[in-house]
């Protein structure tokens, strides 16, 4: 699905490691039957290479990093690898706050929780990226939701405070210049349109496609 942040994780990894691939998008409201043969839950992303089928965004990204050549994104140092894994799993608590901030009745509570949960990421970001001088696995795993902050600002007025999160704000600026991010990103208007239509119960998966105009 074009606007799925979980699928974007996998596309980011594919692009950064210069892996050739074909994309097949599905309408998650009208899933084709064949998708359940690949993943019984019908969730995306799904990778298929010959007889190998890999699904769930963490698993697809780990598989790509393990199997294909190119820059190694998983930290070699055990301590850093475990730290990043804790932050990756912890990010699952942050994700719901992005969406809750967009709901007026939940906004105040969600912003407070979001800021609290984001602090460990601000604290450990001592270089240009979580991976150090170059982006690593954690950078690409959490990035898709930060790409959508501009759209969230348009919808709710929320934006990160550069005084509270100077490292994260600087990191966002650097991430936007990465080739893999440029190739997989959508602009704020596209994200806003999708968020609005998703909230209305009729997500516009085809927004921006030539055939759709």
N, C-alpha and C. Protein backbone atom coordinates (compact mmCIF):
# COMPACT_ATOMS: atom_id res chain seq x y z
N UNK A 1 0.84 -1.19 0.00
CA UNK A 1 0.00 0.00 0.00
C UNK A 1 0.88 1.25 0.00
N UNK A 2 0.60 2.18 -0.88
CA UNK A 2 1.49 3.31 -1.13
C UNK A 2 1.75 4.16 0.10
N UNK A 3 0.75 4.33 0.94
CA UNK A 3 0.89 5.24 2.08
C UNK A 3 1.17 4.52 3.40
N UNK A 4 1.41 3.23 3.34
CA UNK A 4 1.64 2.46 4.55
C UNK A 4 3.05 2.73 5.10
N UNK A 5 3.17 3.25 6.32
CA UNK A 5 4.50 3.51 6.88
C UNK A 5 5.30 2.24 7.13
N UNK A 6 4.60 1.13 7.38
CA UNK A 6 5.31 -0.13 7.61
C UNK A 6 5.93 -0.64 6.31
N UNK A 7 5.18 -0.53 5.22
CA UNK A 7 5.72 -0.90 3.92
C UNK A 7 6.85 0.04 3.51
N UNK A 8 6.75 1.30 3.92
CA UNK A 8 7.80 2.26 3.59
C UNK A 8 9.12 1.86 4.24
N UNK A 9 9.06 1.27 5.43
CA UNK A 9 10.29 0.78 6.06
C UNK A 9 11.05 -0.14 5.09
N UNK A 10 10.31 -1.05 4.50
CA UNK A 10 10.93 -2.03 3.60
C UNK A 10 11.45 -1.35 2.34
N UNK A 11 10.68 -0.42 1.78
CA UNK A 11 11.13 0.29 0.58
C UNK A 11 12.39 1.11 0.86
N UNK A 12 12.46 1.71 2.04
CA UNK A 12 13.66 2.46 2.41
C UNK A 12 14.89 1.57 2.41
N UNK A 13 14.73 0.38 2.97
CA UNK A 13 15.84 -0.56 3.01
C UNK A 13 16.25 -1.00 1.60
N UNK A 14 15.26 -1.28 0.78
CA UNK A 14 15.54 -1.68 -0.61
C UNK A 14 16.29 -0.59 -1.36
N UNK A 15 15.85 0.64 -1.21
CA UNK A 15 16.49 1.75 -1.91
C UNK A 15 17.89 2.01 -1.38
N UNK A 16 18.04 2.01 -0.07
CA UNK A 16 19.34 2.34 0.51
C UNK A 16 20.40 1.31 0.14
N UNK A 17 19.99 0.05 0.02
CA UNK A 17 20.93 -1.00 -0.33
C UNK A 17 20.99 -1.26 -1.85
N UNK A 18 20.29 -0.40 -2.61
CA UNK A 18 20.32 -0.49 -4.08
C UNK A 18 19.91 -1.87 -4.59
N UNK A 19 18.82 -2.38 -4.04
CA UNK A 19 18.29 -3.67 -4.45
C UNK A 19 17.18 -3.45 -5.47
N UNK A 20 17.27 -4.12 -6.60
CA UNK A 20 16.22 -4.01 -7.61
C UNK A 20 14.97 -4.75 -7.13
N UNK A 21 13.81 -4.14 -7.34
CA UNK A 21 12.57 -4.76 -6.87
C UNK A 21 11.38 -4.28 -7.69
N UNK A 22 10.32 -5.02 -7.61
CA UNK A 22 9.05 -4.65 -8.24
C UNK A 22 8.03 -4.43 -7.13
N UNK A 23 7.27 -3.36 -7.23
CA UNK A 23 6.26 -3.06 -6.23
C UNK A 23 4.87 -3.44 -6.73
N UNK A 24 4.14 -4.16 -5.91
CA UNK A 24 2.73 -4.46 -6.19
C UNK A 24 1.92 -3.90 -5.04
N UNK A 25 1.16 -2.84 -5.30
CA UNK A 25 0.34 -2.23 -4.27
C UNK A 25 -1.02 -2.92 -4.19
N UNK A 26 -1.56 -2.98 -2.99
CA UNK A 26 -2.88 -3.57 -2.81
C UNK A 26 -3.78 -2.58 -2.07
N UNK A 27 -5.06 -2.67 -2.36
CA UNK A 27 -6.07 -1.89 -1.65
C UNK A 27 -6.41 -2.66 -0.38
N UNK A 28 -6.06 -2.10 0.77
CA UNK A 28 -6.25 -2.83 2.02
C UNK A 28 -7.71 -2.94 2.44
N UNK A 29 -8.57 -2.20 1.77
CA UNK A 29 -10.01 -2.33 2.01
C UNK A 29 -10.61 -3.43 1.13
N UNK A 30 -9.91 -3.76 0.05
CA UNK A 30 -10.37 -4.81 -0.87
C UNK A 30 -9.18 -5.69 -1.22
N UNK A 31 -8.73 -6.44 -0.26
CA UNK A 31 -7.52 -7.24 -0.44
C UNK A 31 -7.76 -8.39 -1.43
N UNK A 32 -6.82 -8.57 -2.35
CA UNK A 32 -6.94 -9.71 -3.28
C UNK A 32 -6.74 -11.02 -2.54
N UNK A 33 -7.34 -12.07 -3.05
CA UNK A 33 -7.26 -13.37 -2.37
C UNK A 33 -5.83 -13.89 -2.30
N UNK A 34 -5.03 -13.59 -3.33
CA UNK A 34 -3.68 -14.14 -3.36
C UNK A 34 -2.80 -13.68 -2.22
N UNK A 35 -3.14 -12.52 -1.62
CA UNK A 35 -2.28 -12.00 -0.55
C UNK A 35 -2.31 -12.92 0.67
N UNK A 36 -3.45 -13.60 0.89
CA UNK A 36 -3.57 -14.48 2.05
C UNK A 36 -2.77 -15.77 1.88
N UNK A 37 -2.44 -16.10 0.65
CA UNK A 37 -1.57 -17.26 0.42
C UNK A 37 -0.13 -16.95 0.78
N UNK A 38 0.21 -15.66 0.76
CA UNK A 38 1.56 -15.24 1.12
C UNK A 38 1.68 -14.92 2.60
N UNK A 39 0.63 -14.32 3.15
CA UNK A 39 0.60 -13.97 4.57
C UNK A 39 -0.83 -14.15 5.05
N UNK A 40 -1.06 -15.10 5.92
CA UNK A 40 -2.41 -15.45 6.35
C UNK A 40 -3.15 -14.27 6.96
N UNK A 41 -2.41 -13.30 7.53
CA UNK A 41 -3.05 -12.13 8.13
C UNK A 41 -3.46 -11.10 7.09
N UNK A 42 -2.88 -11.19 5.89
CA UNK A 42 -3.18 -10.22 4.84
C UNK A 42 -2.50 -8.89 5.02
N UNK A 43 -1.56 -8.81 5.96
CA UNK A 43 -0.88 -7.54 6.23
C UNK A 43 0.28 -7.33 5.26
N UNK A 44 0.62 -6.06 5.06
CA UNK A 44 1.80 -5.69 4.28
C UNK A 44 2.80 -5.04 5.24
N UNK A 45 4.09 -5.06 4.88
CA UNK A 45 4.68 -5.48 3.62
C UNK A 45 4.91 -6.99 3.54
N UNK A 46 5.04 -7.46 2.30
CA UNK A 46 5.41 -8.84 2.03
C UNK A 46 6.50 -8.82 0.96
N UNK A 47 7.56 -9.57 1.19
CA UNK A 47 8.61 -9.73 0.19
C UNK A 47 8.57 -11.15 -0.35
N UNK A 48 8.77 -11.29 -1.64
CA UNK A 48 8.87 -12.62 -2.23
C UNK A 48 10.05 -12.66 -3.19
N UNK A 49 10.93 -13.62 -2.98
CA UNK A 49 12.05 -13.86 -3.87
C UNK A 49 12.11 -15.35 -4.14
N UNK A 50 11.71 -15.73 -5.34
CA UNK A 50 11.60 -17.16 -5.68
C UNK A 50 10.66 -17.84 -4.69
N UNK A 51 11.14 -18.82 -3.94
CA UNK A 51 10.27 -19.53 -3.00
C UNK A 51 10.28 -18.92 -1.60
N UNK A 52 11.08 -17.90 -1.40
CA UNK A 52 11.17 -17.26 -0.08
C UNK A 52 10.10 -16.18 0.05
N UNK A 53 9.31 -16.24 1.11
CA UNK A 53 8.30 -15.24 1.41
C UNK A 53 8.55 -14.72 2.82
N UNK A 54 8.72 -13.41 2.93
CA UNK A 54 9.00 -12.80 4.23
C UNK A 54 8.00 -11.68 4.45
N UNK A 55 7.41 -11.63 5.62
CA UNK A 55 6.47 -10.56 5.95
C UNK A 55 6.73 -10.04 7.35
N UNK A 56 6.03 -8.97 7.72
CA UNK A 56 6.25 -8.15 8.91
C UNK A 56 7.46 -7.25 8.65
N UNK A 57 7.30 -5.96 8.92
CA UNK A 57 8.30 -4.98 8.51
C UNK A 57 9.67 -5.21 9.15
N UNK A 58 9.72 -5.55 10.45
CA UNK A 58 11.01 -5.83 11.08
C UNK A 58 11.71 -6.98 10.36
N UNK A 59 10.96 -8.05 10.11
CA UNK A 59 11.54 -9.25 9.50
C UNK A 59 12.02 -8.98 8.08
N UNK A 60 11.23 -8.23 7.30
CA UNK A 60 11.64 -7.95 5.92
C UNK A 60 12.92 -7.12 5.90
N UNK A 61 13.02 -6.15 6.79
CA UNK A 61 14.20 -5.29 6.82
C UNK A 61 15.43 -6.07 7.29
N UNK A 62 15.27 -6.91 8.30
CA UNK A 62 16.39 -7.72 8.77
C UNK A 62 16.87 -8.67 7.68
N UNK A 63 15.92 -9.27 6.98
CA UNK A 63 16.27 -10.21 5.92
C UNK A 63 17.05 -9.52 4.81
N UNK A 64 16.58 -8.35 4.40
CA UNK A 64 17.28 -7.60 3.35
C UNK A 64 18.70 -7.23 3.79
N UNK A 65 18.85 -6.85 5.05
CA UNK A 65 20.16 -6.46 5.55
C UNK A 65 21.10 -7.66 5.64
N UNK A 66 20.54 -8.83 5.96
CA UNK A 66 21.35 -10.04 6.11
C UNK A 66 21.74 -10.67 4.77
N UNK A 67 20.80 -10.65 3.82
CA UNK A 67 20.97 -11.44 2.59
C UNK A 67 21.67 -10.67 1.47
N UNK A 68 21.42 -9.37 1.39
CA UNK A 68 21.91 -8.61 0.24
C UNK A 68 23.16 -7.80 0.58
N UNK A 69 24.04 -7.62 -0.41
CA UNK A 69 25.23 -6.80 -0.18
C UNK A 69 24.86 -5.33 -0.07
N UNK A 70 25.87 -4.52 0.21
CA UNK A 70 25.61 -3.11 0.39
C UNK A 70 25.92 -2.71 1.81
N UNK A 71 25.69 -1.45 2.15
CA UNK A 71 26.02 -0.98 3.50
C UNK A 71 25.27 -1.76 4.57
N UNK A 72 26.03 -2.28 5.54
CA UNK A 72 25.43 -3.03 6.64
C UNK A 72 24.79 -2.05 7.61
N UNK A 73 23.49 -2.22 7.88
CA UNK A 73 22.75 -1.26 8.69
C UNK A 73 22.58 -1.70 10.14
N UNK A 74 22.59 -3.00 10.38
CA UNK A 74 22.48 -3.51 11.75
C UNK A 74 23.81 -3.31 12.46
N UNK A 75 23.81 -2.71 13.66
CA UNK A 75 25.07 -2.47 14.37
C UNK A 75 25.84 -3.76 14.65
N UNK A 76 27.14 -3.72 14.45
CA UNK A 76 27.99 -4.87 14.75
C UNK A 76 28.22 -5.01 16.25
N UNK A 77 28.30 -3.87 16.93
CA UNK A 77 28.52 -3.87 18.38
C UNK A 77 27.27 -4.37 19.10
N UNK A 78 27.44 -5.37 19.97
CA UNK A 78 26.29 -5.98 20.63
C UNK A 78 25.51 -4.99 21.49
N UNK A 79 26.21 -4.15 22.23
CA UNK A 79 25.54 -3.19 23.11
C UNK A 79 24.67 -2.23 22.30
N UNK A 80 25.22 -1.72 21.21
CA UNK A 80 24.45 -0.81 20.35
C UNK A 80 23.29 -1.53 19.69
N UNK A 81 23.53 -2.76 19.27
CA UNK A 81 22.48 -3.54 18.62
C UNK A 81 21.30 -3.78 19.56
N UNK A 82 21.59 -4.11 20.81
CA UNK A 82 20.52 -4.33 21.79
C UNK A 82 19.81 -3.03 22.12
N UNK A 83 20.58 -1.94 22.25
CA UNK A 83 19.97 -0.63 22.50
C UNK A 83 19.00 -0.26 21.39
N UNK A 84 19.44 -0.44 20.15
CA UNK A 84 18.58 -0.11 19.02
C UNK A 84 17.34 -0.99 18.97
N UNK A 85 17.51 -2.26 19.32
CA UNK A 85 16.36 -3.16 19.31
C UNK A 85 15.33 -2.72 20.36
N UNK A 86 15.78 -2.31 21.52
CA UNK A 86 14.86 -1.82 22.55
C UNK A 86 14.13 -0.57 22.07
N UNK A 87 14.85 0.32 21.40
CA UNK A 87 14.23 1.54 20.89
C UNK A 87 13.25 1.24 19.75
N UNK A 88 13.57 0.24 18.93
CA UNK A 88 12.66 -0.14 17.85
C UNK A 88 11.35 -0.68 18.41
N UNK A 89 11.47 -1.57 19.39
CA UNK A 89 10.26 -2.12 20.00
C UNK A 89 9.51 -1.05 20.79
N UNK A 90 10.26 -0.17 21.46
CA UNK A 90 9.63 0.91 22.21
C UNK A 90 8.87 1.88 21.34
N UNK A 91 9.30 2.00 20.08
CA UNK A 91 8.64 2.94 19.17
C UNK A 91 7.19 2.55 18.90
N UNK A 92 6.86 1.28 19.13
CA UNK A 92 5.47 0.84 18.93
C UNK A 92 4.52 1.55 19.88
N UNK A 93 5.05 2.10 20.98
CA UNK A 93 4.22 2.89 21.90
C UNK A 93 4.07 4.33 21.41
N UNK A 94 5.03 4.79 20.64
CA UNK A 94 4.98 6.16 20.12
C UNK A 94 4.03 6.26 18.94
N UNK A 95 4.00 5.24 18.11
CA UNK A 95 3.19 5.29 16.88
C UNK A 95 1.74 5.69 17.13
N UNK A 96 1.04 5.11 18.12
CA UNK A 96 -0.36 5.50 18.33
C UNK A 96 -0.52 6.98 18.68
N UNK A 97 0.52 7.58 19.26
CA UNK A 97 0.41 8.98 19.66
C UNK A 97 0.37 9.91 18.44
N UNK A 98 1.04 9.52 17.36
CA UNK A 98 0.98 10.32 16.12
C UNK A 98 -0.47 10.48 15.68
N UNK A 99 -1.21 9.40 15.73
CA UNK A 99 -2.60 9.42 15.27
C UNK A 99 -3.52 10.07 16.30
N UNK A 100 -3.23 9.84 17.57
CA UNK A 100 -4.06 10.43 18.62
C UNK A 100 -3.94 11.95 18.65
N UNK A 101 -2.75 12.46 18.32
CA UNK A 101 -2.56 13.92 18.28
C UNK A 101 -3.49 14.56 17.26
N UNK A 102 -3.83 13.84 16.22
CA UNK A 102 -4.72 14.37 15.19
C UNK A 102 -6.18 14.38 15.58
N UNK A 103 -6.50 13.77 16.73
CA UNK A 103 -7.88 13.77 17.21
C UNK A 103 -8.01 14.80 18.33
N UNK A 104 -8.85 15.78 18.14
CA UNK A 104 -8.94 16.91 19.07
C UNK A 104 -9.18 16.46 20.51
N UNK A 105 -10.02 15.43 20.68
CA UNK A 105 -10.35 14.99 22.03
C UNK A 105 -9.18 14.29 22.73
N UNK A 106 -8.21 13.81 21.96
CA UNK A 106 -7.06 13.09 22.53
C UNK A 106 -5.76 13.89 22.46
N UNK A 107 -5.80 15.05 21.84
CA UNK A 107 -4.59 15.78 21.47
C UNK A 107 -3.70 16.11 22.67
N UNK A 108 -4.24 16.73 23.70
CA UNK A 108 -3.43 17.16 24.84
C UNK A 108 -2.74 15.99 25.52
N UNK A 109 -3.50 14.95 25.78
CA UNK A 109 -2.94 13.76 26.44
C UNK A 109 -1.88 13.11 25.56
N UNK A 110 -2.16 13.02 24.25
CA UNK A 110 -1.25 12.35 23.34
C UNK A 110 0.07 13.11 23.19
N UNK A 111 0.01 14.44 23.14
CA UNK A 111 1.23 15.24 23.02
C UNK A 111 2.11 15.04 24.24
N UNK A 112 1.50 15.03 25.41
CA UNK A 112 2.26 14.83 26.65
C UNK A 112 2.96 13.47 26.65
N UNK A 113 2.24 12.44 26.25
CA UNK A 113 2.81 11.10 26.22
C UNK A 113 3.87 10.99 25.13
N UNK A 114 3.61 11.60 23.99
CA UNK A 114 4.57 11.57 22.88
C UNK A 114 5.90 12.18 23.30
N UNK A 115 5.86 13.32 23.97
CA UNK A 115 7.09 13.99 24.40
C UNK A 115 7.85 13.14 25.40
N UNK A 116 7.12 12.50 26.31
CA UNK A 116 7.77 11.65 27.31
C UNK A 116 8.45 10.45 26.65
N UNK A 117 7.76 9.82 25.72
CA UNK A 117 8.30 8.62 25.07
C UNK A 117 9.43 8.95 24.10
N UNK A 118 9.46 10.18 23.59
CA UNK A 118 10.48 10.57 22.62
C UNK A 118 11.82 10.90 23.28
N UNK A 119 11.80 11.19 24.58
CA UNK A 119 13.02 11.63 25.26
C UNK A 119 14.19 10.66 25.13
N UNK A 120 13.99 9.34 25.29
CA UNK A 120 15.14 8.43 25.14
C UNK A 120 15.80 8.50 23.77
N UNK A 121 15.02 8.80 22.74
CA UNK A 121 15.57 8.91 21.38
C UNK A 121 16.40 10.18 21.25
N UNK A 122 15.92 11.25 21.85
CA UNK A 122 16.68 12.50 21.87
C UNK A 122 18.00 12.30 22.62
N UNK A 123 17.94 11.56 23.70
CA UNK A 123 19.13 11.38 24.55
C UNK A 123 20.23 10.55 23.87
N UNK A 124 19.85 9.52 23.11
CA UNK A 124 20.86 8.64 22.52
C UNK A 124 21.37 9.14 21.17
N UNK A 125 20.70 10.12 20.59
CA UNK A 125 21.09 10.63 19.27
C UNK A 125 22.24 11.62 19.42
N UNK A 126 23.45 11.10 19.49
CA UNK A 126 24.63 11.94 19.71
C UNK A 126 25.40 12.23 18.43
N UNK A 127 25.04 11.56 17.33
CA UNK A 127 25.70 11.80 16.05
C UNK A 127 24.71 12.35 15.04
N UNK A 128 25.10 12.34 13.78
CA UNK A 128 24.20 12.81 12.73
C UNK A 128 22.97 11.93 12.61
N UNK A 129 23.17 10.63 12.84
CA UNK A 129 22.09 9.65 12.74
C UNK A 129 22.18 8.70 13.92
N UNK A 130 21.13 7.92 14.11
CA UNK A 130 21.19 6.91 15.16
C UNK A 130 22.27 5.88 14.85
N UNK A 131 22.58 5.73 13.57
CA UNK A 131 23.64 4.82 13.15
C UNK A 131 25.03 5.44 13.22
N UNK A 132 25.12 6.69 13.67
CA UNK A 132 26.40 7.39 13.75
C UNK A 132 26.54 8.42 12.65
N UNK A 133 27.63 8.36 11.91
CA UNK A 133 27.84 9.30 10.81
C UNK A 133 26.96 8.97 9.61
N UNK A 134 26.53 7.71 9.53
CA UNK A 134 25.67 7.26 8.44
C UNK A 134 24.40 6.67 9.03
N UNK A 135 23.28 6.70 8.29
CA UNK A 135 22.04 6.13 8.82
C UNK A 135 22.17 4.63 9.03
N UNK A 136 21.50 4.14 10.05
CA UNK A 136 21.50 2.72 10.35
C UNK A 136 20.09 2.15 10.36
N UNK A 137 19.98 0.95 10.85
CA UNK A 137 18.71 0.23 10.85
C UNK A 137 17.62 1.01 11.58
N UNK A 138 17.94 1.52 12.76
CA UNK A 138 16.95 2.25 13.56
C UNK A 138 16.45 3.49 12.84
N UNK A 139 17.33 4.19 12.16
CA UNK A 139 16.92 5.41 11.43
C UNK A 139 15.78 5.12 10.46
N UNK A 140 15.93 4.04 9.70
CA UNK A 140 14.92 3.74 8.68
C UNK A 140 13.66 3.12 9.28
N UNK A 141 13.80 2.44 10.40
CA UNK A 141 12.63 1.82 11.04
C UNK A 141 11.67 2.87 11.59
N UNK A 142 12.20 3.93 12.17
CA UNK A 142 11.32 4.93 12.79
C UNK A 142 11.00 6.10 11.87
N UNK A 143 11.73 6.26 10.77
CA UNK A 143 11.57 7.43 9.92
C UNK A 143 10.16 7.68 9.38
N UNK A 144 9.44 6.69 8.86
CA UNK A 144 8.18 7.00 8.17
C UNK A 144 7.22 7.89 8.95
N UNK A 145 7.18 7.77 10.26
CA UNK A 145 6.24 8.59 11.03
C UNK A 145 6.73 10.03 11.16
N UNK A 146 8.04 10.22 11.19
CA UNK A 146 8.56 11.59 11.23
C UNK A 146 8.36 12.30 9.90
N UNK A 147 8.36 11.55 8.81
CA UNK A 147 8.05 12.14 7.51
C UNK A 147 6.65 12.75 7.52
N UNK A 148 5.77 12.18 8.29
CA UNK A 148 4.37 12.61 8.32
C UNK A 148 4.10 13.73 9.31
N UNK A 149 5.11 14.22 10.00
CA UNK A 149 4.90 15.30 10.97
C UNK A 149 4.42 16.58 10.30
N UNK A 150 4.88 16.86 9.08
CA UNK A 150 4.42 18.05 8.37
C UNK A 150 2.93 18.00 8.11
N UNK A 151 2.44 16.83 7.73
CA UNK A 151 1.01 16.66 7.51
C UNK A 151 0.25 16.78 8.82
N UNK A 152 0.83 16.22 9.88
CA UNK A 152 0.19 16.31 11.19
C UNK A 152 0.10 17.75 11.65
N UNK A 153 1.12 18.54 11.33
CA UNK A 153 1.10 19.96 11.66
C UNK A 153 -0.04 20.68 10.95
N UNK A 154 -0.25 20.35 9.67
CA UNK A 154 -1.34 20.97 8.92
C UNK A 154 -2.71 20.60 9.49
N UNK A 155 -2.83 19.39 9.99
CA UNK A 155 -4.12 18.91 10.47
C UNK A 155 -4.40 19.30 11.92
N UNK A 156 -3.35 19.40 12.73
CA UNK A 156 -3.58 19.62 14.16
C UNK A 156 -2.82 20.80 14.75
N UNK A 157 -1.87 21.35 14.00
CA UNK A 157 -1.06 22.45 14.51
C UNK A 157 0.13 22.00 15.33
N UNK A 158 0.30 20.70 15.50
CA UNK A 158 1.41 20.20 16.32
C UNK A 158 2.71 20.19 15.53
N UNK A 159 3.80 20.60 16.19
CA UNK A 159 5.12 20.44 15.61
C UNK A 159 6.13 20.26 16.73
N UNK A 160 7.23 19.61 16.41
CA UNK A 160 8.27 19.39 17.41
C UNK A 160 8.91 20.72 17.79
N UNK A 161 9.19 20.88 19.06
CA UNK A 161 9.85 22.07 19.57
C UNK A 161 11.36 21.88 19.44
N UNK A 162 12.00 22.74 18.65
CA UNK A 162 13.45 22.62 18.44
C UNK A 162 14.23 22.86 19.72
N UNK A 163 13.65 23.55 20.67
CA UNK A 163 14.32 23.77 21.96
C UNK A 163 14.26 22.52 22.83
N UNK A 164 13.17 21.76 22.72
CA UNK A 164 13.02 20.55 23.51
C UNK A 164 13.71 19.36 22.85
N UNK A 165 13.68 19.32 21.53
CA UNK A 165 14.23 18.18 20.79
C UNK A 165 15.17 18.64 19.67
N UNK A 166 16.24 19.36 20.02
CA UNK A 166 17.13 19.89 18.97
C UNK A 166 17.80 18.79 18.15
N UNK A 167 18.13 17.67 18.79
CA UNK A 167 18.80 16.59 18.06
C UNK A 167 17.86 15.92 17.07
N UNK A 168 16.64 15.66 17.52
CA UNK A 168 15.65 15.02 16.64
C UNK A 168 15.31 15.94 15.47
N UNK A 169 15.13 17.22 15.75
CA UNK A 169 14.79 18.17 14.69
C UNK A 169 15.92 18.24 13.65
N UNK A 170 17.17 18.24 14.11
CA UNK A 170 18.29 18.24 13.19
C UNK A 170 18.37 16.95 12.39
N UNK A 171 18.08 15.84 13.06
CA UNK A 171 18.07 14.52 12.40
C UNK A 171 17.02 14.48 11.30
N UNK A 172 15.84 15.02 11.56
CA UNK A 172 14.78 15.04 10.55
C UNK A 172 15.25 15.77 9.30
N UNK A 173 15.89 16.90 9.49
CA UNK A 173 16.40 17.67 8.35
C UNK A 173 17.41 16.87 7.54
N UNK A 174 18.29 16.15 8.22
CA UNK A 174 19.30 15.35 7.51
C UNK A 174 18.66 14.16 6.81
N UNK A 175 17.69 13.54 7.43
CA UNK A 175 17.03 12.38 6.83
C UNK A 175 16.34 12.76 5.51
N UNK A 176 15.76 13.93 5.45
CA UNK A 176 15.05 14.36 4.24
C UNK A 176 15.98 14.45 3.03
N UNK A 177 17.27 14.51 3.25
CA UNK A 177 18.23 14.63 2.15
C UNK A 177 18.79 13.28 1.70
N UNK A 178 18.45 12.20 2.40
CA UNK A 178 18.95 10.89 2.01
C UNK A 178 18.27 10.43 0.72
N UNK A 179 19.01 9.89 -0.23
CA UNK A 179 18.41 9.42 -1.49
C UNK A 179 17.27 8.43 -1.28
N UNK A 180 17.42 7.51 -0.34
CA UNK A 180 16.37 6.51 -0.10
C UNK A 180 15.08 7.17 0.37
N UNK A 181 15.21 8.20 1.20
CA UNK A 181 14.04 8.93 1.69
C UNK A 181 13.39 9.71 0.55
N UNK A 182 14.21 10.39 -0.24
CA UNK A 182 13.69 11.17 -1.37
C UNK A 182 12.90 10.28 -2.33
N UNK A 183 13.38 9.07 -2.56
CA UNK A 183 12.74 8.17 -3.52
C UNK A 183 11.46 7.54 -2.99
N UNK A 184 11.29 7.48 -1.68
CA UNK A 184 10.12 6.80 -1.12
C UNK A 184 9.10 7.74 -0.50
N UNK A 185 9.42 9.01 -0.40
CA UNK A 185 8.55 9.92 0.35
C UNK A 185 7.39 10.45 -0.48
N UNK A 186 6.36 10.90 0.24
CA UNK A 186 5.26 11.67 -0.33
C UNK A 186 5.28 13.04 0.31
N UNK A 187 4.77 14.04 -0.39
CA UNK A 187 4.70 15.38 0.16
C UNK A 187 3.60 15.49 1.21
N UNK A 188 3.63 16.59 1.94
CA UNK A 188 2.65 16.79 3.01
C UNK A 188 1.21 16.75 2.50
N UNK A 189 0.97 17.33 1.32
CA UNK A 189 -0.40 17.37 0.79
C UNK A 189 -0.93 15.96 0.55
N UNK A 190 -0.08 15.08 0.05
CA UNK A 190 -0.49 13.70 -0.19
C UNK A 190 -0.81 13.00 1.12
N UNK A 191 0.04 13.20 2.12
CA UNK A 191 -0.20 12.58 3.42
C UNK A 191 -1.47 13.14 4.07
N UNK A 192 -1.67 14.45 3.94
CA UNK A 192 -2.89 15.05 4.50
C UNK A 192 -4.12 14.44 3.86
N UNK A 193 -4.11 14.36 2.53
CA UNK A 193 -5.26 13.78 1.83
C UNK A 193 -5.54 12.36 2.29
N UNK A 194 -4.48 11.57 2.41
CA UNK A 194 -4.69 10.19 2.82
C UNK A 194 -5.20 10.11 4.25
N UNK A 195 -4.64 10.92 5.15
CA UNK A 195 -5.08 10.90 6.55
C UNK A 195 -6.55 11.30 6.67
N UNK A 196 -6.94 12.32 5.91
CA UNK A 196 -8.33 12.79 5.97
C UNK A 196 -9.28 11.73 5.43
N UNK A 197 -8.94 11.14 4.29
CA UNK A 197 -9.82 10.13 3.71
C UNK A 197 -9.82 8.86 4.54
N UNK A 198 -8.69 8.54 5.16
CA UNK A 198 -8.64 7.37 6.05
C UNK A 198 -9.54 7.59 7.26
N UNK A 199 -9.47 8.80 7.82
CA UNK A 199 -10.31 9.12 8.97
C UNK A 199 -11.79 9.10 8.64
N UNK A 200 -12.12 9.37 7.37
CA UNK A 200 -13.52 9.37 6.94
C UNK A 200 -13.99 7.96 6.58
N UNK A 201 -13.08 7.00 6.64
CA UNK A 201 -13.46 5.62 6.36
C UNK A 201 -13.38 5.22 4.90
N UNK A 202 -12.85 6.13 4.06
CA UNK A 202 -12.73 5.82 2.62
C UNK A 202 -11.35 6.23 2.13
N UNK A 203 -10.30 5.55 2.58
CA UNK A 203 -8.93 5.94 2.23
C UNK A 203 -8.69 5.99 0.73
N UNK A 204 -8.08 7.09 0.29
CA UNK A 204 -7.78 7.29 -1.13
C UNK A 204 -6.38 6.76 -1.42
N UNK A 205 -6.29 5.47 -1.70
CA UNK A 205 -5.00 4.84 -1.94
C UNK A 205 -4.35 5.31 -3.23
N UNK A 206 -5.14 5.83 -4.17
CA UNK A 206 -4.62 6.18 -5.49
C UNK A 206 -4.31 7.66 -5.66
N UNK A 207 -4.35 8.43 -4.57
CA UNK A 207 -4.10 9.86 -4.67
C UNK A 207 -2.75 10.13 -5.36
N UNK A 208 -2.78 11.00 -6.35
CA UNK A 208 -1.56 11.41 -7.03
C UNK A 208 -1.18 10.59 -8.23
N UNK A 209 -1.84 9.45 -8.43
CA UNK A 209 -1.54 8.64 -9.61
C UNK A 209 -2.13 9.30 -10.85
N UNK A 210 -1.41 9.26 -11.96
CA UNK A 210 -1.85 9.91 -13.19
C UNK A 210 -3.22 9.42 -13.63
N UNK A 211 -3.42 8.11 -13.53
CA UNK A 211 -4.69 7.53 -13.97
C UNK A 211 -5.84 7.95 -13.09
N UNK A 212 -5.49 8.45 -11.89
CA UNK A 212 -6.52 8.82 -10.93
C UNK A 212 -6.94 10.27 -11.09
N UNK A 213 -6.11 11.07 -11.82
CA UNK A 213 -6.38 12.51 -11.93
C UNK A 213 -7.47 12.79 -12.95
